[in-house]
């Protein structure tokens, strides 16, 4: 006997038995679970974190990449 869920309960408290409805409930559950929450108070969450990337490092990381750099990186990869 394989593991299965006989039913899932939807947002209205109704037991759903069809695979289609159970799938919809599961998708909604996980979509809601992993949905990002927009907040303007990011600093509240980050107040104890020390930055590891300096402004100079960030500027260097964000600068445009030249064709020469791409070529050098591609040819530096060992097979």
PDB file of N, CA and C in Angstrom:
ATOM      1  N   UNK A   1       0.846  -1.185   0.000  1.00  0.00           N
ATOM      2  CA  UNK A   1       0.000   0.000   0.000  1.00  0.00           C
ATOM      3  C   UNK A   1       0.880   1.233   0.000  1.00  0.00           C
ATOM      4  N   UNK A   2       0.637   2.159  -0.915  1.00  0.00           N
ATOM      5  CA  UNK A   2       1.444   3.369  -0.985  1.00  0.00           C
ATOM      6  C   UNK A   2       0.834   4.457  -0.096  1.00  0.00           C
ATOM      7  N   UNK A   3       1.698   5.368   0.326  1.00  0.00           N
ATOM      8  CA  UNK A   3       1.234   6.484   1.148  1.00  0.00           C
ATOM      9  C   UNK A   3       0.396   7.428   0.306  1.00  0.00           C
ATOM     10  N   UNK A   4      -0.680   7.922   0.874  1.00  0.00           N
ATOM     11  CA  UNK A   4      -1.512   8.885   0.159  1.00  0.00           C
ATOM     12  C   UNK A   4      -2.341   9.671   1.170  1.00  0.00           C
ATOM     13  N   UNK A   5      -2.844  10.770   0.710  1.00  0.00           N
ATOM     14  CA  UNK A   5      -3.753  11.579   1.517  1.00  0.00           C
ATOM     15  C   UNK A   5      -5.161  11.344   0.993  1.00  0.00           C
ATOM     16  N   UNK A   6      -6.045  10.919   1.874  1.00  0.00           N
ATOM     17  CA  UNK A   6      -7.418  10.672   1.426  1.00  0.00           C
ATOM     18  C   UNK A   6      -8.128  11.969   1.101  1.00  0.00           C
ATOM     19  N   UNK A   7      -7.846  13.026   1.875  1.00  0.00           N
ATOM     20  CA  UNK A   7      -8.485  14.313   1.627  1.00  0.00           C
ATOM     21  C   UNK A   7      -7.635  15.430   2.215  1.00  0.00           C
ATOM     22  N   UNK A   8      -7.882  16.641   1.746  1.00  0.00           N
ATOM     23  CA  UNK A   8      -7.309  17.853   2.315  1.00  0.00           C
ATOM     24  C   UNK A   8      -8.453  18.815   2.578  1.00  0.00           C
ATOM     25  N   UNK A   9      -8.274  19.663   3.563  1.00  0.00           N
ATOM     26  CA  UNK A   9      -9.317  20.620   3.932  1.00  0.00           C
ATOM     27  C   UNK A   9      -9.006  21.951   3.265  1.00  0.00           C
ATOM     28  N   UNK A  10      -9.975  22.491   2.529  1.00  0.00           N
ATOM     29  CA  UNK A  10      -9.769  23.762   1.841  1.00  0.00           C
ATOM     30  C   UNK A  10      -9.946  24.948   2.788  1.00  0.00           C
ATOM     31  N   UNK A  11      -9.791  26.162   2.267  1.00  0.00           N
ATOM     32  CA  UNK A  11      -9.888  27.376   3.083  1.00  0.00           C
ATOM     33  C   UNK A  11     -11.262  27.580   3.708  1.00  0.00           C
ATOM     34  N   UNK A  12     -12.276  26.915   3.152  1.00  0.00           N
ATOM     35  CA  UNK A  12     -13.632  27.036   3.690  1.00  0.00           C
ATOM     36  C   UNK A  12     -13.960  25.936   4.689  1.00  0.00           C
ATOM     37  N   UNK A  13     -12.959  25.107   5.008  1.00  0.00           N
ATOM     38  CA  UNK A  13     -13.175  24.025   5.966  1.00  0.00           C
ATOM     39  C   UNK A  13     -13.843  22.805   5.376  1.00  0.00           C
ATOM     40  N   UNK A  14     -13.877  22.716   4.056  1.00  0.00           N
ATOM     41  CA  UNK A  14     -14.537  21.595   3.383  1.00  0.00           C
ATOM     42  C   UNK A  14     -13.493  20.552   2.995  1.00  0.00           C
ATOM     43  N   UNK A  15     -13.772  19.294   3.319  1.00  0.00           N
ATOM     44  CA  UNK A  15     -12.886  18.195   2.934  1.00  0.00           C
ATOM     45  C   UNK A  15     -12.954  18.007   1.425  1.00  0.00           C
ATOM     46  N   UNK A  16     -11.797  17.971   0.778  1.00  0.00           N
ATOM     47  CA  UNK A  16     -11.735  17.768  -0.665  1.00  0.00           C
ATOM     48  C   UNK A  16     -11.058  16.427  -0.928  1.00  0.00           C
ATOM     49  N   UNK A  17     -11.702  15.584  -1.715  1.00  0.00           N
ATOM     50  CA  UNK A  17     -11.228  14.227  -1.962  1.00  0.00           C
ATOM     51  C   UNK A  17     -10.609  14.025  -3.349  1.00  0.00           C
ATOM     52  N   UNK A  18     -10.953  14.870  -4.314  1.00  0.00           N
ATOM     53  CA  UNK A  18     -10.445  14.659  -5.673  1.00  0.00           C
ATOM     54  C   UNK A  18      -8.976  15.069  -5.758  1.00  0.00           C
ATOM     55  N   UNK A  19      -8.240  14.354  -6.613  1.00  0.00           N
ATOM     56  CA  UNK A  19      -6.819  14.668  -6.787  1.00  0.00           C
ATOM     57  C   UNK A  19      -6.631  16.104  -7.257  1.00  0.00           C
ATOM     58  N   UNK A  20      -7.507  16.569  -8.130  1.00  0.00           N
ATOM     59  CA  UNK A  20      -7.415  17.927  -8.658  1.00  0.00           C
ATOM     60  C   UNK A  20      -7.536  18.951  -7.532  1.00  0.00           C
ATOM     61  N   UNK A  21      -8.545  18.812  -6.702  1.00  0.00           N
ATOM     62  CA  UNK A  21      -8.765  19.748  -5.595  1.00  0.00           C
ATOM     63  C   UNK A  21      -7.646  19.655  -4.567  1.00  0.00           C
ATOM     64  N   UNK A  22      -7.194  18.429  -4.275  1.00  0.00           N
ATOM     65  CA  UNK A  22      -6.090  18.269  -3.322  1.00  0.00           C
ATOM     66  C   UNK A  22      -4.836  18.951  -3.861  1.00  0.00           C
ATOM     67  N   UNK A  23      -4.616  18.850  -5.167  1.00  0.00           N
ATOM     68  CA  UNK A  23      -3.464  19.516  -5.783  1.00  0.00           C
ATOM     69  C   UNK A  23      -3.558  21.019  -5.663  1.00  0.00           C
ATOM     70  N   UNK A  24      -4.751  21.571  -5.908  1.00  0.00           N
ATOM     71  CA  UNK A  24      -4.948  23.018  -5.792  1.00  0.00           C
ATOM     72  C   UNK A  24      -4.697  23.497  -4.367  1.00  0.00           C
ATOM     73  N   UNK A  25      -5.180  22.740  -3.394  1.00  0.00           N
ATOM     74  CA  UNK A  25      -4.985  23.097  -1.986  1.00  0.00           C
ATOM     75  C   UNK A  25      -3.496  23.069  -1.638  1.00  0.00           C
ATOM     76  N   UNK A  26      -2.783  22.041  -2.097  1.00  0.00           N
ATOM     77  CA  UNK A  26      -1.352  21.916  -1.809  1.00  0.00           C
ATOM     78  C   UNK A  26      -0.567  23.059  -2.449  1.00  0.00           C
ATOM     79  N   UNK A  27      -0.881  23.370  -3.703  1.00  0.00           N
ATOM     80  CA  UNK A  27      -0.184  24.461  -4.389  1.00  0.00           C
ATOM     81  C   UNK A  27      -0.419  25.779  -3.660  1.00  0.00           C
ATOM     82  N   UNK A  28      -1.652  26.050  -3.274  1.00  0.00           N
ATOM     83  CA  UNK A  28      -1.959  27.299  -2.562  1.00  0.00           C
ATOM     84  C   UNK A  28      -1.232  27.344  -1.219  1.00  0.00           C
ATOM     85  N   UNK A  29      -1.221  26.233  -0.509  1.00  0.00           N
ATOM     86  CA  UNK A  29      -0.569  26.179   0.801  1.00  0.00           C
ATOM     87  C   UNK A  29       0.913  26.534   0.679  1.00  0.00           C
ATOM     88  N   UNK A  30       1.615  25.869  -0.255  1.00  0.00           N
ATOM     89  CA  UNK A  30       3.047  26.106  -0.380  1.00  0.00           C
ATOM     90  C   UNK A  30       3.347  27.466  -1.005  1.00  0.00           C
ATOM     91  N   UNK A  31       2.482  27.939  -1.887  1.00  0.00           N
ATOM     92  CA  UNK A  31       2.666  29.281  -2.445  1.00  0.00           C
ATOM     93  C   UNK A  31       2.560  30.326  -1.342  1.00  0.00           C
ATOM     94  N   UNK A  32       1.564  30.175  -0.484  1.00  0.00           N
ATOM     95  CA  UNK A  32       1.406  31.106   0.633  1.00  0.00           C
ATOM     96  C   UNK A  32       2.555  30.980   1.627  1.00  0.00           C
ATOM     97  N   UNK A  33       3.017  29.760   1.853  1.00  0.00           N
ATOM     98  CA  UNK A  33       4.087  29.511   2.818  1.00  0.00           C
ATOM     99  C   UNK A  33       5.382  30.194   2.391  1.00  0.00           C
ATOM    100  N   UNK A  34       5.694  30.151   1.093  1.00  0.00           N
ATOM    101  CA  UNK A  34       6.959  30.686   0.611  1.00  0.00           C
ATOM    102  C   UNK A  34       6.838  32.054  -0.048  1.00  0.00           C
ATOM    103  N   UNK A  35       5.695  32.697   0.095  1.00  0.00           N
ATOM    104  CA  UNK A  35       5.485  34.021  -0.475  1.00  0.00           C
ATOM    105  C   UNK A  35       6.325  35.023   0.295  1.00  0.00           C
ATOM    106  N   UNK A  36       6.953  35.937  -0.421  1.00  0.00           N
ATOM    107  CA  UNK A  36       7.738  36.955   0.268  1.00  0.00           C
ATOM    108  C   UNK A  36       6.786  37.998   0.845  1.00  0.00           C
ATOM    109  N   UNK A  37       7.157  38.483   1.994  1.00  0.00           N
ATOM    110  CA  UNK A  37       6.372  39.505   2.668  1.00  0.00           C
ATOM    111  C   UNK A  37       7.096  40.823   2.468  1.00  0.00           C
ATOM    112  N   UNK A  38       6.407  41.770   1.890  1.00  0.00           N
ATOM    113  CA  UNK A  38       7.024  43.069   1.659  1.00  0.00           C
ATOM    114  C   UNK A  38       6.962  43.876   2.956  1.00  0.00           C
ATOM    115  N   UNK A  39       8.106  44.395   3.314  1.00  0.00           N
ATOM    116  CA  UNK A  39       8.148  45.231   4.511  1.00  0.00           C
ATOM    117  C   UNK A  39       9.085  46.392   4.268  1.00  0.00           C
ATOM    118  N   UNK A  40       8.764  47.509   4.848  1.00  0.00           N
ATOM    119  CA  UNK A  40       9.619  48.685   4.764  1.00  0.00           C
ATOM    120  C   UNK A  40      10.565  48.739   5.947  1.00  0.00           C
ATOM    121  N   UNK A  41      10.510  47.748   6.815  1.00  0.00           N
ATOM    122  CA  UNK A  41      11.308  47.749   8.029  1.00  0.00           C
ATOM    123  C   UNK A  41      12.408  46.693   7.971  1.00  0.00           C
ATOM    124  N   UNK A  42      13.095  46.605   6.836  1.00  0.00           N
ATOM    125  CA  UNK A  42      14.155  45.619   6.678  1.00  0.00           C
ATOM    126  C   UNK A  42      15.243  45.849   7.714  1.00  0.00           C
ATOM    127  N   UNK A  43      15.510  47.089   8.039  1.00  0.00           N
ATOM    128  CA  UNK A  43      16.574  47.392   9.002  1.00  0.00           C
ATOM    129  C   UNK A  43      16.304  46.757  10.364  1.00  0.00           C
ATOM    130  N   UNK A  44      15.054  46.531  10.705  1.00  0.00           N
ATOM    131  CA  UNK A  44      14.714  45.880  11.971  1.00  0.00           C
ATOM    132  C   UNK A  44      15.292  44.469  12.002  1.00  0.00           C
ATOM    133  N   UNK A  45      15.251  43.777  10.867  1.00  0.00           N
ATOM    134  CA  UNK A  45      15.749  42.415  10.800  1.00  0.00           C
ATOM    135  C   UNK A  45      17.267  42.349  10.688  1.00  0.00           C
ATOM    136  N   UNK A  46      17.869  43.404  10.183  1.00  0.00           N
ATOM    137  CA  UNK A  46      19.295  43.383   9.892  1.00  0.00           C
ATOM    138  C   UNK A  46      20.144  44.170  10.888  1.00  0.00           C
ATOM    139  N   UNK A  47      19.558  44.675  11.951  1.00  0.00           N
ATOM    140  CA  UNK A  47      20.286  45.588  12.829  1.00  0.00           C
ATOM    141  C   UNK A  47      21.505  44.963  13.505  1.00  0.00           C
ATOM    142  N   UNK A  48      21.567  43.666  13.702  1.00  0.00           N
ATOM    143  CA  UNK A  48      22.721  43.028  14.340  1.00  0.00           C
ATOM    144  C   UNK A  48      23.738  42.476  13.335  1.00  0.00           C
ATOM    145  N   UNK A  49      23.451  42.588  12.058  1.00  0.00           N
ATOM    146  CA  UNK A  49      24.355  42.061  11.040  1.00  0.00           C
ATOM    147  C   UNK A  49      25.413  43.096  10.684  1.00  0.00           C
ATOM    148  N   UNK A  50      26.649  42.631  10.593  1.00  0.00           N
ATOM    149  CA  UNK A  50      27.739  43.491  10.167  1.00  0.00           C
ATOM    150  C   UNK A  50      27.955  43.274   8.663  1.00  0.00           C
ATOM    151  N   UNK A  51      28.090  44.360   7.897  1.00  0.00           N
ATOM    152  CA  UNK A  51      28.303  44.181   6.460  1.00  0.00           C
ATOM    153  C   UNK A  51      29.643  43.509   6.181  1.00  0.00           C
ATOM    154  N   UNK A  52      29.649  42.635   5.194  1.00  0.00           N
ATOM    155  CA  UNK A  52      30.881  41.951   4.794  1.00  0.00           C
ATOM    156  C   UNK A  52      31.407  42.498   3.481  1.00  0.00           C
ATOM    157  N   UNK A  53      30.529  43.083   2.703  1.00  0.00           N
ATOM    158  CA  UNK A  53      30.934  43.658   1.427  1.00  0.00           C
ATOM    159  C   UNK A  53      30.994  45.172   1.601  1.00  0.00           C
ATOM    160  N   UNK A  54      32.179  45.724   1.354  1.00  0.00           N
ATOM    161  CA  UNK A  54      32.338  47.176   1.480  1.00  0.00           C
ATOM    162  C   UNK A  54      31.739  47.858   0.257  1.00  0.00           C
ATOM    163  N   UNK A  55      31.572  49.154   0.324  1.00  0.00           N
ATOM    164  CA  UNK A  55      31.047  49.903  -0.817  1.00  0.00           C
ATOM    165  C   UNK A  55      31.982  49.764  -2.018  1.00  0.00           C
ATOM    166  N   UNK A  56      33.294  49.780  -1.772  1.00  0.00           N
ATOM    167  CA  UNK A  56      34.267  49.616  -2.855  1.00  0.00           C
ATOM    168  C   UNK A  56      34.142  48.233  -3.486  1.00  0.00           C
ATOM    169  N   UNK A  57      34.001  47.199  -2.655  1.00  0.00           N
ATOM    170  CA  UNK A  57      33.828  45.843  -3.167  1.00  0.00           C
ATOM    171  C   UNK A  57      32.547  45.756  -3.991  1.00  0.00           C
ATOM    172  N   UNK A  58      31.474  46.364  -3.517  1.00  0.00           N
ATOM    173  CA  UNK A  58      30.193  46.330  -4.216  1.00  0.00           C
ATOM    174  C   UNK A  58      30.293  47.009  -5.576  1.00  0.00           C
ATOM    175  N   UNK A  59      30.983  48.135  -5.628  1.00  0.00           N
ATOM    176  CA  UNK A  59      31.161  48.832  -6.909  1.00  0.00           C
ATOM    177  C   UNK A  59      31.939  47.963  -7.882  1.00  0.00           C
ATOM    178  N   UNK A  60      32.966  47.280  -7.386  1.00  0.00           N
ATOM    179  CA  UNK A  60      33.770  46.399  -8.232  1.00  0.00           C
ATOM    180  C   UNK A  60      32.935  45.218  -8.739  1.00  0.00           C
ATOM    181  N   UNK A  61      32.099  44.658  -7.870  1.00  0.00           N
ATOM    182  CA  UNK A  61      31.259  43.523  -8.255  1.00  0.00           C
ATOM    183  C   UNK A  61      30.171  43.918  -9.248  1.00  0.00           C
ATOM    184  N   UNK A  62      29.711  45.164  -9.175  1.00  0.00           N
ATOM    185  CA  UNK A  62      28.596  45.608 -10.004  1.00  0.00           C
ATOM    186  C   UNK A  62      29.028  46.260 -11.312  1.00  0.00           C
ATOM    187  N   UNK A  63      30.335  46.390 -11.540  1.00  0.00           N
ATOM    188  CA  UNK A  63      30.788  47.051 -12.763  1.00  0.00           C
ATOM    189  C   UNK A  63      30.546  46.151 -13.975  1.00  0.00           C
ATOM    190  N   UNK A  64      30.432  46.734 -15.150  1.00  0.00           N
ATOM    191  CA  UNK A  64      30.233  45.933 -16.370  1.00  0.00           C
ATOM    192  C   UNK A  64      31.415  44.984 -16.604  1.00  0.00           C
ATOM    193  N   UNK A  65      31.130  43.848 -17.187  1.00  0.00           N
ATOM    194  CA  UNK A  65      32.151  42.844 -17.473  1.00  0.00           C
ATOM    195  C   UNK A  65      32.597  43.022 -18.919  1.00  0.00           C
ATOM    196  N   UNK A  66      33.903  43.018 -19.119  1.00  0.00           N
ATOM    197  CA  UNK A  66      34.442  43.213 -20.473  1.00  0.00           C
ATOM    198  C   UNK A  66      34.514  41.874 -21.205  1.00  0.00           C
ATOM    199  N   UNK A  67      34.523  41.928 -22.529  1.00  0.00           N
ATOM    200  CA  UNK A  67      34.693  40.699 -23.311  1.00  0.00           C
ATOM    201  C   UNK A  67      36.005  39.978 -22.969  1.00  0.00           C
ATOM    202  N   UNK A  68      37.038  40.730 -22.654  1.00  0.00           N
ATOM    203  CA  UNK A  68      38.321  40.129 -22.278  1.00  0.00           C
ATOM    204  C   UNK A  68      38.183  39.315 -21.003  1.00  0.00           C
ATOM    205  N   UNK A  69      37.454  39.851 -20.017  1.00  0.00           N
ATOM    206  CA  UNK A  69      37.251  39.122 -18.754  1.00  0.00           C
ATOM    207  C   UNK A  69      36.469  37.833 -18.995  1.00  0.00           C
ATOM    208  N   UNK A  70      35.474  37.893 -19.858  1.00  0.00           N
ATOM    209  CA  UNK A  70      34.684  36.700 -20.181  1.00  0.00           C
ATOM    210  C   UNK A  70      35.573  35.653 -20.838  1.00  0.00           C
ATOM    211  N   UNK A  71      36.398  36.079 -21.797  1.00  0.00           N
ATOM    212  CA  UNK A  71      37.302  35.172 -22.503  1.00  0.00           C
ATOM    213  C   UNK A  71      38.283  34.540 -21.521  1.00  0.00           C
ATOM    214  N   UNK A  72      38.864  35.356 -20.630  1.00  0.00           N
ATOM    215  CA  UNK A  72      39.823  34.834 -19.660  1.00  0.00           C
ATOM    216  C   UNK A  72      39.157  33.807 -18.738  1.00  0.00           C
ATOM    217  N   UNK A  73      37.943  34.113 -18.293  1.00  0.00           N
ATOM    218  CA  UNK A  73      37.232  33.178 -17.402  1.00  0.00           C
ATOM    219  C   UNK A  73      36.906  31.876 -18.128  1.00  0.00           C
ATOM    220  N   UNK A  74      36.449  31.977 -19.360  1.00  0.00           N
ATOM    221  CA  UNK A  74      36.083  30.783 -20.121  1.00  0.00           C
ATOM    222  C   UNK A  74      37.291  29.886 -20.367  1.00  0.00           C
ATOM    223  N   UNK A  75      38.423  30.488 -20.703  1.00  0.00           N
ATOM    224  CA  UNK A  75      39.608  29.685 -21.014  1.00  0.00           C
ATOM    225  C   UNK A  75      40.361  29.227 -19.767  1.00  0.00           C
ATOM    226  N   UNK A  76      39.988  29.762 -18.604  1.00  0.00           N
ATOM    227  CA  UNK A  76      40.654  29.326 -17.369  1.00  0.00           C
ATOM    228  C   UNK A  76      40.012  28.073 -16.779  1.00  0.00           C
ATOM    229  N   UNK A  77      38.876  27.672 -17.334  1.00  0.00           N
ATOM    230  CA  UNK A  77      38.173  26.480 -16.831  1.00  0.00           C
ATOM    231  C   UNK A  77      38.866  25.232 -17.342  1.00  0.00           C
ATOM    232  N   UNK A  78      39.268  24.386 -16.424  1.00  0.00           N
ATOM    233  CA  UNK A  78      39.913  23.122 -16.815  1.00  0.00           C
ATOM    234  C   UNK A  78      38.851  22.079 -17.088  1.00  0.00           C
ATOM    235  N   UNK A  79      39.130  21.215 -18.087  1.00  0.00           N
ATOM    236  CA  UNK A  79      38.155  20.158 -18.370  1.00  0.00           C
ATOM    237  C   UNK A  79      38.482  18.931 -17.580  1.00  0.00           C
TER     238      UNK A  79
END
